[in-house]
C-alpha atoms as a PDB file:
ATOM      1  CA  MET A   1     -18.079   2.565   0.882  1.00  0.00           C
ATOM      2  CA  SER A   2     -16.365   4.413  -3.129  1.00  0.00           C
ATOM      3  CA  SER A   3     -12.724   4.698  -3.867  1.00  0.00           C
ATOM      4  CA  GLY A   4     -13.001   6.477  -7.433  1.00  0.00           C
ATOM      5  CA  ASN A   5     -11.384   5.268 -10.386  1.00  0.00           C
ATOM      6  CA  TRP A   6      -7.299   4.756 -10.025  1.00  0.00           C
ATOM      7  CA  CYS A   7      -5.368   3.964 -13.410  1.00  0.00           C
ATOM      8  CA  LEU A   8      -2.116   2.521 -14.218  1.00  0.00           C
ATOM      9  CA  ILE A   9       1.332   4.089 -13.872  1.00  0.00           C
ATOM     10  CA  GLU A  10       4.074   3.424 -15.821  1.00  0.00           C
ATOM     11  CA  SER A  11       6.766   1.535 -13.870  1.00  0.00           C
ATOM     12  CA  ASP A  12      10.103   4.715 -14.130  1.00  0.00           C
ATOM     13  CA  PRO A  13      12.035   6.223 -12.222  1.00  0.00           C
ATOM     14  CA  GLY A  14      10.708   9.800 -13.458  1.00  0.00           C
ATOM     15  CA  VAL A  15       7.041   8.892 -13.149  1.00  0.00           C
ATOM     16  CA  PHE A  16       7.783   7.487  -8.978  1.00  0.00           C
ATOM     17  CA  THR A  17      10.399  11.207  -8.703  1.00  0.00           C
ATOM     18  CA  GLU A  18       7.968  13.385  -9.679  1.00  0.00           C
ATOM     19  CA  LEU A  19       4.694  11.833  -8.032  1.00  0.00           C
ATOM     20  CA  ILE A  20       6.854  11.598  -4.252  1.00  0.00           C
ATOM     21  CA  GLN A  21       7.688  15.483  -5.111  1.00  0.00           C
ATOM     22  CA  LYS A  22       3.362  15.694  -5.942  1.00  0.00           C
ATOM     23  CA  PHE A  23       2.990  14.531  -2.554  1.00  0.00           C
ATOM     24  CA  GLY A  24       4.936  16.824  -0.770  1.00  0.00           C
ATOM     25  CA  VAL A  25       7.682  14.711   0.633  1.00  0.00           C
ATOM     26  CA  THR A  26      11.272  16.193   0.009  1.00  0.00           C
ATOM     27  CA  GLY A  27      14.633  14.856   0.250  1.00  0.00           C
ATOM     28  CA  VAL A  28      13.986  11.849  -1.518  1.00  0.00           C
ATOM     29  CA  GLN A  29      14.442  10.113  -5.314  1.00  0.00           C
ATOM     30  CA  VAL A  30      13.985   6.937  -7.147  1.00  0.00           C
ATOM     31  CA  GLU A  31      16.909   5.075  -8.982  1.00  0.00           C
ATOM     32  CA  GLU A  32      16.410   2.179 -10.795  1.00  0.00           C
ATOM     33  CA  LEU A  33      18.704  -0.350 -10.326  1.00  0.00           C
ATOM     34  CA  TRP A  34      20.159  -2.772 -13.064  1.00  0.00           C
ATOM     35  CA  SER A  35      21.472  -5.321 -11.450  1.00  0.00           C
ATOM     36  CA  LEU A  36      22.027  -6.787  -7.563  1.00  0.00           C
ATOM     37  CA  ASP A  37      25.937  -6.129  -7.669  1.00  0.00           C
ATOM     38  CA  LYS A  38      27.410  -4.351  -4.301  1.00  0.00           C
ATOM     39  CA  GLU A  39      28.220  -1.625  -5.826  1.00  0.00           C
ATOM     40  CA  GLN A  40      25.549  -0.282  -7.229  1.00  0.00           C
ATOM     41  CA  PHE A  41      23.552   0.008  -3.943  1.00  0.00           C
ATOM     42  CA  THR A  42      27.470   1.393  -2.895  1.00  0.00           C
ATOM     43  CA  ASP A  43      26.675   4.680  -5.320  1.00  0.00           C
ATOM     44  CA  LEU A  44      23.051   4.925  -4.425  1.00  0.00           C
ATOM     45  CA  LYS A  45      23.331   5.386  -0.538  1.00  0.00           C
ATOM     46  CA  PRO A  46      21.992   6.095   1.560  1.00  0.00           C
ATOM     47  CA  VAL A  47      19.449   3.521   0.597  1.00  0.00           C
ATOM     48  CA  TYR A  48      15.921   4.230   2.611  1.00  0.00           C
ATOM     49  CA  GLY A  49      14.401   1.477   0.884  1.00  0.00           C
ATOM     50  CA  LEU A  50      13.245  -0.738  -2.402  1.00  0.00           C
ATOM     51  CA  ILE A  51      10.186  -0.724  -4.673  1.00  0.00           C
ATOM     52  CA  PHE A  52      10.047  -4.331  -6.107  1.00  0.00           C
ATOM     53  CA  LEU A  53       8.493  -5.440  -9.199  1.00  0.00           C
ATOM     54  CA  PHE A  54       6.686  -8.981 -10.223  1.00  0.00           C
ATOM     55  CA  LYS A  55       5.117 -11.082 -12.199  1.00  0.00           C
ATOM     56  CA  TRP A  56       2.746 -12.544  -9.115  1.00  0.00           C
ATOM     57  CA  THR A  57       1.786 -15.423  -8.814  1.00  0.00           C
ATOM     58  CA  GLY A  58       0.110 -16.137  -5.704  1.00  0.00           C
ATOM     59  CA  ASP A  59       2.015 -18.282  -4.143  1.00  0.00           C
ATOM     60  CA  ASP A  60       5.742 -17.613  -2.220  1.00  0.00           C
ATOM     61  CA  GLY A  61       5.137 -19.665   1.281  1.00  0.00           C
ATOM     62  CA  ALA A  62       5.897 -16.782   3.550  1.00  0.00           C
ATOM     63  CA  VAL A  63       2.420 -17.280   5.414  1.00  0.00           C
ATOM     64  CA  ASP A  64       4.494 -18.083   8.839  1.00  0.00           C
ATOM     65  CA  ARG A  65       7.069 -14.825   8.610  1.00  0.00           C
ATOM     66  CA  ILE A  66       3.210 -12.292   8.657  1.00  0.00           C
ATOM     67  CA  VAL A  67       3.581  -9.828  11.478  1.00  0.00           C
ATOM     68  CA  MET A  68       0.787  -9.565  13.456  1.00  0.00           C
ATOM     69  CA  ASP A  69       1.772  -9.165  16.655  1.00  0.00           C
ATOM     70  CA  SER A  70       2.883  -5.133  18.335  1.00  0.00           C
ATOM     71  CA  ARG A  71       5.439  -4.706  16.046  1.00  0.00           C
ATOM     72  CA  LEU A  72       2.053  -3.182  13.706  1.00  0.00           C
ATOM     73  CA  ASP A  73       2.432  -0.536  16.498  1.00  0.00           C
ATOM     74  CA  SER A  74       5.672   0.509  14.805  1.00  0.00           C
ATOM     75  CA  ILE A  75       5.069  -0.269  11.309  1.00  0.00           C
ATOM     76  CA  PHE A  76       3.383   1.084   8.992  1.00  0.00           C
ATOM     77  CA  PHE A  77       0.818  -1.354   6.525  1.00  0.00           C
ATOM     78  CA  ALA A  78      -2.105  -0.791   5.120  1.00  0.00           C
ATOM     79  CA  LYS A  79      -4.177  -3.465   2.929  1.00  0.00           C
ATOM     80  CA  GLN A  80      -4.443  -2.636  -0.218  1.00  0.00           C
ATOM     81  CA  VAL A  81      -7.843  -2.601  -1.008  1.00  0.00           C
ATOM     82  CA  ILE A  82      -8.862  -1.401  -4.858  1.00  0.00           C
ATOM     83  CA  GLN A  83      -6.594  -2.228  -8.083  1.00  0.00           C
ATOM     84  CA  ASN A  84      -4.159  -0.221  -9.694  1.00  0.00           C
ATOM     85  CA  ALA A  85      -2.464   1.838  -6.905  1.00  0.00           C
ATOM     86  CA  CYS A  86      -0.483  -1.185  -5.985  1.00  0.00           C
ATOM     87  CA  ALA A  87       2.748   1.397  -7.019  1.00  0.00           C
ATOM     88  CA  THR A  88       1.569   4.394  -5.552  1.00  0.00           C
ATOM     89  CA  GLN A  89       1.116   1.906  -2.009  1.00  0.00           C
ATOM     90  CA  ALA A  90       4.590   0.392  -2.461  1.00  0.00           C
ATOM     91  CA  ILE A  91       5.691   3.923  -2.354  1.00  0.00           C
ATOM     92  CA  LEU A  92       3.579   4.972   0.399  1.00  0.00           C
ATOM     93  CA  SER A  93       4.993   2.822   2.600  1.00  0.00           C
ATOM     94  CA  ILE A  94       8.063   3.188   1.836  1.00  0.00           C
ATOM     95  CA  LEU A  95       8.000   7.189   2.633  1.00  0.00           C
ATOM     96  CA  MET A  96       6.324   5.739   5.993  1.00  0.00           C
ATOM     97  CA  ASN A  97       8.775   4.319   7.141  1.00  0.00           C
ATOM     98  CA  ILE A  98      11.484   6.087   6.931  1.00  0.00           C
ATOM     99  CA  ALA A  99      13.222   7.299  10.381  1.00  0.00           C
ATOM    100  CA  ASN A 100      16.117  10.180   8.761  1.00  0.00           C
ATOM    101  CA  PRO A 101      15.083  13.298   9.720  1.00  0.00           C
ATOM    102  CA  GLU A 102      16.461  14.648   6.297  1.00  0.00           C
ATOM    103  CA  VAL A 103      13.223  13.018   3.887  1.00  0.00           C
ATOM    104  CA  LYS A 104      10.755  15.573   4.852  1.00  0.00           C
ATOM    105  CA  LEU A 105       7.043  14.038   3.942  1.00  0.00           C
ATOM    106  CA  GLY A 106       5.384  17.723   4.290  1.00  0.00           C
ATOM    107  CA  SER A 107       1.593  18.740   5.785  1.00  0.00           C
ATOM    108  CA  THR A 108      -0.868  15.889   3.769  1.00  0.00           C
ATOM    109  CA  MET A 109       1.756  12.590   4.449  1.00  0.00           C
ATOM    110  CA  GLU A 110       1.887  14.130   7.547  1.00  0.00           C
ATOM    111  CA  GLU A 111      -1.281  14.731   8.158  1.00  0.00           C
ATOM    112  CA  LEU A 112      -2.772  11.544   6.760  1.00  0.00           C
ATOM    113  CA  LYS A 113       0.056   9.106   8.818  1.00  0.00           C
ATOM    114  CA  GLU A 114      -1.167  11.020  12.099  1.00  0.00           C
ATOM    115  CA  PHE A 115      -5.066  10.878  11.523  1.00  0.00           C
ATOM    116  CA  CYS A 116      -4.128   6.548  10.253  1.00  0.00           C
ATOM    117  CA  GLY A 117      -1.986   6.087  12.244  1.00  0.00           C
ATOM    118  CA  SER A 118      -3.741   3.623  14.780  1.00  0.00           C
ATOM    119  CA  PHE A 119      -5.775   2.062  12.832  1.00  0.00           C
ATOM    120  CA  ASP A 120      -5.635  -1.203  11.695  1.00  0.00           C
ATOM    121  CA  PRO A 121      -4.256  -2.686   7.443  1.00  0.00           C
ATOM    122  CA  VAL A 122      -7.179  -2.530   6.027  1.00  0.00           C
ATOM    123  CA  MET A 123      -8.746   0.498   7.241  1.00  0.00           C
ATOM    124  CA  LYS A 124      -5.119   2.298   6.251  1.00  0.00           C
ATOM    125  CA  GLY A 125      -6.162   1.003   2.970  1.00  0.00           C
ATOM    126  CA  LEU A 126      -8.908   2.310   3.053  1.00  0.00           C
ATOM    127  CA  THR A 127      -8.202   5.952   4.565  1.00  0.00           C
ATOM    128  CA  LEU A 128      -5.135   6.014   1.697  1.00  0.00           C
ATOM    129  CA  SER A 129      -7.367   4.620  -1.291  1.00  0.00           C
ATOM    130  CA  ASN A 130     -10.029   7.664  -0.345  1.00  0.00           C
ATOM    131  CA  SER A 131      -8.029   9.704  -0.328  1.00  0.00           C
ATOM    132  CA  ASP A 132      -8.624  12.935  -2.735  1.00  0.00           C
ATOM    133  CA  SER A 133      -5.061  14.033  -2.525  1.00  0.00           C
ATOM    134  CA  ILE A 134      -3.513  11.256  -2.853  1.00  0.00           C
ATOM    135  CA  ARG A 135      -6.062   9.854  -5.903  1.00  0.00           C
ATOM    136  CA  THR A 136      -5.411  12.865  -7.675  1.00  0.00           C
ATOM    137  CA  VAL A 137      -1.800  13.080  -8.236  1.00  0.00           C
ATOM    138  CA  HIS A 138      -1.956   9.071  -9.103  1.00  0.00           C
ATOM    139  CA  ASN A 139      -3.989   9.785 -11.862  1.00  0.00           C
ATOM    140  CA  SER A 140      -2.567  12.576 -12.969  1.00  0.00           C
ATOM    141  CA  PHE A 141       0.184  10.301 -14.177  1.00  0.00           C
ATOM    142  CA  ALA A 142      -2.423   8.702 -16.521  1.00  0.00           C
ATOM    143  CA  ARG A 143      -1.803   8.271 -20.181  1.00  0.00           C
ATOM    144  CA  GLN A 144      -4.237   8.982 -22.421  1.00  0.00           C
ATOM    145  CA  SER A 145      -5.731   6.619 -24.989  1.00  0.00           C
ATOM    146  CA  LEU A 146      -7.852   6.898 -27.793  1.00  0.00           C
ATOM    147  CA  PHE A 147     -10.338   4.096 -27.105  1.00  0.00           C
ATOM    148  CA  GLU A 148     -11.887   3.198 -23.317  1.00  0.00           C
ATOM    149  CA  PHE A 149     -11.818  -0.581 -22.552  1.00  0.00           C
ATOM    150  CA  ASP A 150     -13.896  -1.958 -20.532  1.00  0.00           C
ATOM    151  CA  GLY A 151     -12.279  -3.225 -17.068  1.00  0.00           C
ATOM    152  CA  LYS A 152     -11.920  -6.982 -16.092  1.00  0.00           C
ATOM    153  CA  LYS A 153     -10.472  -9.132 -13.749  1.00  0.00           C
ATOM    154  CA  ALA A 154      -7.119 -11.342 -15.340  1.00  0.00           C
ATOM    155  CA  ASP A 155      -8.355 -14.462 -15.465  1.00  0.00           C
ATOM    156  CA  LYS A 156      -5.581 -17.159 -14.683  1.00  0.00           C
ATOM    157  CA  ASP A 157      -3.791 -16.793 -17.745  1.00  0.00           C
ATOM    158  CA  ASP A 158      -3.100 -13.720 -17.957  1.00  0.00           C
ATOM    159  CA  ASP A 159      -0.352 -12.088 -16.518  1.00  0.00           C
ATOM    160  CA  VAL A 160      -0.697  -9.971 -13.130  1.00  0.00           C
ATOM    161  CA  PHE A 161       2.144  -7.484 -12.528  1.00  0.00           C
ATOM    162  CA  HIS A 162       2.598  -5.926  -8.198  1.00  0.00           C
ATOM    163  CA  PHE A 163       4.361  -3.820  -6.474  1.00  0.00           C
ATOM    164  CA  VAL A 164       5.975  -4.441  -3.209  1.00  0.00           C
ATOM    165  CA  GLY A 165       7.988  -2.602  -0.960  1.00  0.00           C
ATOM    166  CA  TYR A 166      11.500  -4.053   0.985  1.00  0.00           C
ATOM    167  CA  VAL A 167      12.511  -1.357   4.141  1.00  0.00           C
ATOM    168  CA  PRO A 168      14.153  -1.525   6.701  1.00  0.00           C
ATOM    169  CA  ILE A 169      12.814  -1.070  10.973  1.00  0.00           C
ATOM    170  CA  ASP A 170      14.066  -1.755  13.495  1.00  0.00           C
ATOM    171  CA  GLY A 171      16.657  -3.642  12.922  1.00  0.00           C
ATOM    172  CA  ARG A 172      14.944  -6.102  10.788  1.00  0.00           C
ATOM    173  CA  ILE A 173      14.116  -5.916   6.887  1.00  0.00           C
ATOM    174  CA  TYR A 174      10.909  -6.197   6.470  1.00  0.00           C
ATOM    175  CA  GLU A 175       8.285  -6.145   3.212  1.00  0.00           C
ATOM    176  CA  LEU A 176       5.143  -4.303   2.320  1.00  0.00           C
ATOM    177  CA  ASP A 177       3.248  -6.386   0.710  1.00  0.00           C
ATOM    178  CA  GLY A 178      -0.586  -4.246   0.272  1.00  0.00           C
ATOM    179  CA  LEU A 179      -1.803  -7.923  -0.514  1.00  0.00           C
ATOM    180  CA  LYS A 180      -0.665 -10.107   2.523  1.00  0.00           C
ATOM    181  CA  GLU A 181      -2.539  -9.650   6.163  1.00  0.00           C
ATOM    182  CA  GLY A 182       0.876  -7.599   7.118  1.00  0.00           C
ATOM    183  CA  PRO A 183       4.130  -7.528   7.144  1.00  0.00           C
ATOM    184  CA  ILE A 184       6.456 -10.339   5.982  1.00  0.00           C
ATOM    185  CA  ASP A 185       9.656 -10.127   8.714  1.00  0.00           C
ATOM    186  CA  HIS A 186      12.545 -11.408   6.242  1.00  0.00           C
ATOM    187  CA  GLY A 187      14.957 -11.545   9.771  1.00  0.00           C
ATOM    188  CA  PRO A 188      17.898  -8.975  11.279  1.00  0.00           C
ATOM    189  CA  ALA A 189      19.191  -6.098   9.049  1.00  0.00           C
ATOM    190  CA  GLY A 190      23.041  -5.976   9.851  1.00  0.00           C
ATOM    191  CA  ASP A 191      24.971  -3.146   9.492  1.00  0.00           C
ATOM    192  CA  ASP A 192      24.152  -2.641   6.002  1.00  0.00           C
ATOM    193  CA  TRP A 193      20.518  -3.623   5.194  1.00  0.00           C
ATOM    194  CA  THR A 194      21.218  -3.633   1.332  1.00  0.00           C
ATOM    195  CA  ASP A 195      23.573  -6.567   2.122  1.00  0.00           C
ATOM    196  CA  ALA A 196      20.915  -8.460   3.984  1.00  0.00           C
ATOM    197  CA  VAL A 197      18.568  -7.124   1.648  1.00  0.00           C
ATOM    198  CA  ARG A 198      20.064  -8.570  -2.132  1.00  0.00           C
ATOM    199  CA  PRO A 199      20.085 -12.410  -1.783  1.00  0.00           C
ATOM    200  CA  ILE A 200      16.630 -12.039  -0.277  1.00  0.00           C
ATOM    201  CA  ILE A 201      15.181 -10.865  -3.543  1.00  0.00           C
ATOM    202  CA  GLU A 202      17.984 -12.445  -5.830  1.00  0.00           C
ATOM    203  CA  ALA A 203      16.075 -15.598  -4.319  1.00  0.00           C
ATOM    204  CA  ARG A 204      12.821 -14.328  -5.312  1.00  0.00           C
ATOM    205  CA  MET A 205      13.989 -13.432  -9.669  1.00  0.00           C
ATOM    206  CA  GLN A 206      15.024 -16.908  -9.155  1.00  0.00           C
ATOM    207  CA  ARG A 207      11.166 -18.287  -9.054  1.00  0.00           C
ATOM    208  CA  TYR A 208      11.220 -17.436 -12.854  1.00  0.00           C
ATOM    209  CA  LYS A 209      12.215 -19.860 -16.123  1.00  0.00           C
ATOM    210  CA  GLU A 210      15.298 -18.788 -17.344  1.00  0.00           C
ATOM    211  CA  GLY A 211      15.098 -15.600 -20.270  1.00  0.00           C
ATOM    212  CA  GLU A 212      11.860 -14.490 -18.690  1.00  0.00           C
ATOM    213  CA  ILE A 213      12.038 -10.886 -17.083  1.00  0.00           C
ATOM    214  CA  HIS A 214       9.087 -10.761 -15.171  1.00  0.00           C
ATOM    215  CA  PHE A 215      10.719  -7.970 -12.459  1.00  0.00           C
ATOM    216  CA  ASN A 216      11.617  -4.584 -11.741  1.00  0.00           C
ATOM    217  CA  LEU A 217      13.735  -3.252  -9.029  1.00  0.00           C
ATOM    218  CA  MET A 218      14.207   0.714  -8.148  1.00  0.00           C
ATOM    219  CA  GLY A 219      14.921   2.185  -4.968  1.00  0.00           C
ATOM    220  CA  VAL A 220      13.771   5.503  -3.074  1.00  0.00           C
ATOM    221  CA  VAL A 221      16.769   6.609  -2.140  1.00  0.00           C
ATOM    222  CA  GLU A 222      18.400  10.737  -0.893  1.00  0.00           C
ATOM    223  CA  ASP A 223      18.096  13.035  -3.410  1.00  0.00           C
ATOM    224  CA  LYS A 224      20.720  13.730  -5.656  1.00  0.00           C
ATOM    225  CA  ILE A 225      20.478  17.318  -5.894  1.00  0.00           C
ATOM    226  CA  THR A 226      20.886  17.647  -2.201  1.00  0.00           C
ATOM    227  CA  LYS A 227      23.510  15.233  -1.544  1.00  0.00           C
ATOM    228  CA  PHE A 228      26.038  16.924  -3.872  1.00  0.00           C
ATOM    229  CA  ASN A 229      25.253  20.548  -3.281  1.00  0.00           C
ATOM    230  CA  ARG A 230      25.693  19.554   0.059  1.00  0.00           C
ATOM    231  CA  MET A 231      29.270  17.569  -1.207  1.00  0.00           C
ATOM    232  CA  LEU A 232      30.009  21.151  -3.017  1.00  0.00           C
ATOM    233  CA  GLU A 233      29.808  23.275   0.027  1.00  0.00           C
ATOM    234  CA  ALA A 234      32.475  20.930   2.085  1.00  0.00           C
ATOM    235  CA  SER A 235      34.944  20.962  -1.025  1.00  0.00           C
ATOM    236  CA  PRO A 236      33.766  24.299  -3.500  1.00  0.00           C
ATOM    237  CA  SER A 237      34.689  23.908  -7.313  1.00  0.00           C
ATOM    238  CA  ASP A 238      35.328  20.119  -7.158  1.00  0.00           C
ATOM    239  CA  PRO A 239      35.175  20.002 -10.827  1.00  0.00           C
ATOM    240  CA  ARG A 240      33.402  16.208 -10.632  1.00  0.00           C
ATOM    241  CA  ILE A 241      30.653  17.135  -8.159  1.00  0.00           C
ATOM    242  CA  GLU A 242      29.943  20.330 -10.500  1.00  0.00           C
ATOM    243  CA  MET A 243      29.534  17.901 -13.155  1.00  0.00           C
ATOM    244  CA  LEU A 244      27.895  14.722 -11.261  1.00  0.00           C
ATOM    245  CA  LEU A 245      25.519  17.777 -10.109  1.00  0.00           C
ATOM    246  CA  ALA A 246      24.843  18.620 -13.757  1.00  0.00           C
ATOM    247  CA  ASP A 247      24.194  15.970 -15.193  1.00  0.00           C
ATOM    248  CA  GLU A 248      21.130  14.670 -12.534  1.00  0.00           C
ATOM    249  CA  GLU A 249      19.796  18.729 -13.024  1.00  0.00           C
ATOM    250  CA  ALA A 250      20.110  18.260 -16.495  1.00  0.00           C
ATOM    251  CA  ARG A 251      18.692  14.122 -16.289  1.00  0.00           C
ATOM    252  CA  ARG A 252      15.649  15.536 -14.263  1.00  0.00           C
ATOM    253  CA  THR A 253      14.105  18.338 -16.578  1.00  0.00           C
ATOM    254  CA  ARG A 254      14.660  14.890 -19.653  1.00  0.00           C
ATOM    255  CA  TRP A 255      12.168  13.976 -16.939  1.00  0.00           C
ATOM    256  CA  ARG A 256      10.452  16.254 -16.578  1.00  0.00           C
ATOM    257  CA  THR A 257       9.888  17.028 -20.516  1.00  0.00           C
ATOM    258  CA  GLU A 258       9.462  12.796 -20.371  1.00  0.00           C
ATOM    259  CA  ASN A 259       6.263  13.307 -18.286  1.00  0.00           C
ATOM    260  CA  ILE A 260       4.766  16.242 -19.553  1.00  0.00           C
ATOM    261  CA  ARG A 261       4.548  14.003 -22.766  1.00  0.00           C
ATOM    262  CA  ARG A 262       3.440  10.814 -21.121  1.00  0.00           C
ATOM    263  CA  LYS A 263       0.035  13.106 -20.124  1.00  0.00           C
ATOM    264  CA  HIS A 264      -0.042  14.732 -23.501  1.00  0.00           C
ATOM    265  CA  ASN A 265      -3.619  14.343 -24.814  1.00  0.00           C
ATOM    266  CA  TYR A 266      -1.710  13.312 -28.590  1.00  0.00           C
ATOM    267  CA  LEU A 267      -5.331  12.556 -29.316  1.00  0.00           C
ATOM    268  CA  PRO A 268      -6.350  16.182 -32.192  1.00  0.00           C
ATOM    269  CA  LEU A 269      -3.315  15.543 -33.367  1.00  0.00           C
ATOM    270  CA  ILE A 270      -3.070  11.949 -34.648  1.00  0.00           C
ATOM    271  CA  MET A 271      -7.390  12.126 -35.227  1.00  0.00           C
ATOM    272  CA  GLU A 272      -6.252  15.273 -37.948  1.00  0.00           C
ATOM    273  CA  LEU A 273      -3.270  13.652 -40.095  1.00  0.00           C
ATOM    274  CA  LEU A 274      -5.806  10.891 -40.453  1.00  0.00           C
ATOM    275  CA  ARG A 275      -7.560  12.909 -41.559  1.00  0.00           C
ATOM    276  CA  SER A 276      -5.543  15.453 -43.993  1.00  0.00           C
ATOM    277  CA  LEU A 277      -4.134  11.786 -44.572  1.00  0.00           C
ATOM    278  CA  ALA A 278      -8.119  10.518 -46.063  1.00  0.00           C
ATOM    279  CA  LYS A 279      -8.447  13.934 -48.104  1.00  0.00           C
ATOM    280  CA  ARG A 280      -5.351  13.550 -49.857  1.00  0.00           C
ATOM    281  CA  GLY A 281      -6.514   9.642 -51.109  1.00  0.00           C
ATOM    282  CA  GLU A 282      -3.488   8.069 -48.841  1.00  0.00           C
ATOM    283  CA  LEU A 283      -4.911   6.441 -45.802  1.00  0.00           C
ATOM    284  CA  LEU A 284      -5.567   3.518 -47.605  1.00  0.00           C
ATOM    285  CA  PRO A 285      -3.096   2.992 -49.120  1.00  0.00           C
ATOM    286  CA  LEU A 286      -0.377   3.885 -46.418  1.00  0.00           C
ATOM    287  CA  TYR A 287      -2.963   0.750 -44.303  1.00  0.00           C
ATOM    288  CA  ASN A 288      -2.566  -1.603 -46.984  1.00  0.00           C
ATOM    289  CA  LYS A 289       1.421  -1.589 -46.613  1.00  0.00           C
ATOM    290  CA  ALA A 290       1.518  -1.317 -43.161  1.00  0.00           C
ATOM    291  CA  LYS A 291      -0.858  -4.080 -43.153  1.00  0.00           C
ATOM    292  CA  GLU A 292       1.431  -6.282 -46.086  1.00  0.00           C
ATOM    293  CA  LYS A 293       3.803  -5.936 -43.158  1.00  0.00           C
ATOM    294  CA  SER A 294       2.311  -7.135 -40.560  1.00  0.00           C
ATOM    295  CA  ILE A 295       1.458 -10.041 -42.249  1.00  0.00           C
ATOM    296  CA  ALA A 296       4.778 -10.981 -43.769  1.00  0.00           C
ATOM    297  CA  LEU A 297       5.967 -10.600 -40.096  1.00  0.00           C
ATOM    298  CA  GLU A 298       3.714 -12.693 -38.551  1.00  0.00           C
ATOM    299  CA  GLN A 299       4.977 -15.599 -41.129  1.00  0.00           C
ATOM    300  CA  LYS A 300       8.060 -15.168 -40.373  1.00  0.00           C
ATOM    301  CA  GLN A 301       8.131 -15.358 -36.434  1.00  0.00           C
ATOM    302  CA  LYS A 302       5.508 -18.581 -37.412  1.00  0.00           C
ATOM    303  CA  GLU A 303       8.212 -20.033 -39.768  1.00  0.00           C
ATOM    304  CA  LEU A 304      11.057 -19.250 -36.949  1.00  0.00           C
ATOM    305  CA  LYS A 305       9.199 -21.202 -34.300  1.00  0.00           C
ATOM    306  CA  ALA A 306       8.432 -24.003 -36.786  1.00  0.00           C
ATOM    307  CA  ALA A 307      12.062 -24.272 -36.937  1.00  0.00           C
ATOM    308  CA  LYS A 308      13.286 -24.602 -33.665  1.00  0.00           C
END
């Protein structure tokens, strides 16, 4: 069964928010979390789920906590069956498990969830990967490249990164990792599930050597524009809320502009600039100057490394 090609997409809240909107889902957006401080989670409430990007090592000792019982009937969990789709799959896993009525999946996601709801995790994964609508939206965020590279599987020396989702379901916290056989049960969610999940993520981060940054954390939260408009209805003409709303609308505009630039094909412009420089006899001198700078920088780095 062919699932077509899936591109790599950038781990960015603006990308993920527009991705969700293109799926037809409303009521949510994605926010980057810069720390695990309680205050940051409090400012973003309600937090429906967390997207965690990390350097995959393949050894997390969670086998004994994988859910393989009747709880799977109430948890939407799909196996990842193709490469490059883990970001979208982590997002969809969270969206499909949100129980808040303010979050609307939209017709495409609702139909997909209903169609494969009774499937096992492998069949759910195949259904997602073979969905033309999901793949088209995902691939719409592909970056333009001057060269085509043959795909290859990562070897043991390559850094491999992976996305998983954390979400509260029926009073417990589950990690949804498409590379596992099932959801991982991390225990009771408590009164505020973010208080319980923060130590879990912190423990995972501590596996890496000091100074290494191999992870990124984002939250799936309530749509801030909807939230601030609702707050304005309760407190009309509140200058603080009006400022927050204006700032968020300006940020959405920036996100849209950045996403357009990400997807735009600049290759014809680049090629025309190179032709123009070559015609004026300026291309080769610029190349040689850049090469000299690169060699000097490489030599300096080697000297600094040898001095340590």
